[in-house]
Amino acid sequence: MTIGDHMIVRPHTMMAADVVVRDYGTVAAQVFLGRRAVVEENAYVGAGAKVRGYASVGSGSVIGMGSLVLGHVPRGETWAGNPLRRLAPASRLTDRGPT
């Protein structure tokens, strides 16, 4: 497991083998990160979300509560749901969230 600097992992989170959470990432409560899942820099994974093994959350992306991530989430986008779908593209994100 690789844990970056200044990152947050909330209670009741489970991480399988070889998970990577990079600098400034946030993993909310009751999240499951499967084997070799990657949460890139400044990414946020909402409460109760599940990230399948070998899936990744791109830098600066946001994953909504209870979402199911089965593949790669591109950098700087907001995704949520089950099935997972894009809510805001990177071009619509600002430092204050989606516009």
Protein backbone atom coordinates (compact mmCIF):
# COMPACT_ATOMS: atom_id res chain seq x y z
CA MET A 1 0.00 0.00 0.00
CA THR A 2 1.24 3.49 -0.84
CA ILE A 3 -0.15 6.45 1.08
CA GLY A 4 0.80 9.98 0.01
CA ASP A 5 1.42 13.09 2.07
CA HIS A 6 -1.38 15.20 3.53
CA MET A 7 -4.15 12.81 2.56
CA ILE A 8 -7.28 11.92 4.50
CA VAL A 9 -8.83 8.50 5.09
CA ARG A 10 -12.09 8.57 7.07
CA PRO A 11 -13.34 5.76 9.39
CA HIS A 12 -14.46 2.30 8.29
CA THR A 13 -12.58 2.41 5.00
CA MET A 14 -11.20 -0.82 3.58
CA MET A 15 -8.18 -1.03 1.31
CA ALA A 16 -7.04 -4.22 -0.38
CA ALA A 17 -3.45 -5.07 -1.30
CA ASP A 18 -1.28 -2.68 -3.31
CA VAL A 19 -3.67 0.30 -3.16
CA VAL A 20 -2.21 3.74 -3.95
CA VAL A 21 -3.63 7.00 -2.55
CA ARG A 22 -1.49 9.93 -3.68
CA ASP A 23 -0.80 13.32 -2.06
CA TYR A 24 -3.78 15.39 -0.91
CA GLY A 25 -6.29 12.66 -1.80
CA THR A 26 -9.40 12.20 0.31
CA VAL A 27 -11.17 8.90 0.91
CA ALA A 28 -14.44 9.38 2.80
CA ALA A 29 -16.01 6.98 5.32
CA GLN A 30 -17.00 3.42 4.41
CA VAL A 31 -15.19 3.40 1.06
CA PHE A 32 -13.81 0.17 -0.39
CA LEU A 33 -10.69 0.31 -2.57
CA GLY A 34 -10.01 -2.94 -4.40
CA ARG A 35 -6.64 -4.47 -5.16
CA ARG A 36 -4.26 -2.09 -6.96
CA ALA A 37 -6.85 0.69 -7.10
CA VAL A 38 -5.34 4.17 -7.48
CA VAL A 39 -6.63 7.49 -6.14
CA GLU A 40 -4.53 10.26 -7.75
CA GLU A 41 -3.50 13.65 -6.32
CA ASN A 42 -6.28 15.93 -5.03
CA ALA A 43 -8.99 13.36 -5.86
CA TYR A 44 -12.01 12.87 -3.59
CA VAL A 45 -13.87 9.57 -3.17
CA GLY A 46 -17.28 10.07 -1.48
CA ALA A 47 -18.69 8.08 1.42
CA GLY A 48 -19.69 4.49 0.68
CA ALA A 49 -18.16 4.45 -2.80
CA LYS A 50 -16.52 1.31 -4.13
CA VAL A 51 -13.51 1.39 -6.44
CA ARG A 52 -12.91 -1.95 -8.14
CA GLY A 53 -9.48 -3.48 -8.22
CA TYR A 54 -7.19 -2.06 -10.93
CA ALA A 55 -9.53 0.96 -11.38
CA SER A 56 -8.34 4.53 -10.90
CA VAL A 57 -9.64 7.97 -9.99
CA GLY A 58 -7.83 10.72 -11.90
CA SER A 59 -6.12 13.72 -10.36
CA GLY A 60 -8.56 16.35 -9.10
CA SER A 61 -11.63 14.18 -9.79
CA VAL A 62 -14.64 13.79 -7.50
CA ILE A 63 -16.53 10.51 -7.01
CA GLY A 64 -20.02 10.87 -5.49
CA MET A 65 -21.33 9.04 -2.44
CA GLY A 66 -22.25 5.39 -2.98
CA SER A 67 -20.79 5.26 -6.49
CA LEU A 68 -19.33 2.18 -8.14
CA VAL A 69 -16.09 2.77 -10.06
CA LEU A 70 -15.26 -0.09 -12.42
CA GLY A 71 -12.66 1.57 -14.68
CA HIS A 72 -10.67 4.76 -15.08
CA VAL A 73 -12.16 8.15 -14.12
CA PRO A 74 -10.45 10.92 -16.14
CA ARG A 75 -8.60 13.78 -14.53
CA GLY A 76 -10.60 16.70 -13.10
CA GLU A 77 -14.12 15.35 -13.66
CA THR A 78 -17.07 14.70 -11.38
CA TRP A 79 -18.68 11.24 -11.61
CA ALA A 80 -21.41 9.57 -9.55
CA GLY A 81 -23.94 6.76 -9.48
CA ASN A 82 -24.32 3.08 -10.16
CA PRO A 83 -23.83 2.75 -13.06
CA LEU A 84 -21.20 5.48 -12.86
CA ARG A 85 -21.78 8.49 -15.11
CA ARG A 86 -20.12 11.84 -15.65
CA LEU A 87 -21.82 14.82 -14.00
CA ALA A 88 -19.35 17.57 -14.90
CA PRO A 89 -16.52 17.60 -17.42
CA ALA A 90 -13.12 18.98 -16.51
CA SER A 91 -13.78 22.21 -18.43
CA ARG A 92 -16.68 23.07 -16.07
CA LEU A 93 -14.75 22.59 -12.84
CA THR A 94 -13.38 25.55 -10.91
CA ASP A 95 -11.64 25.91 -7.58
CA ARG A 96 -15.14 26.19 -6.05
CA GLY A 97 -16.45 22.99 -7.58
CA PRO A 98 -18.68 22.44 -10.65
CA THR A 99 -20.23 25.53 -12.25
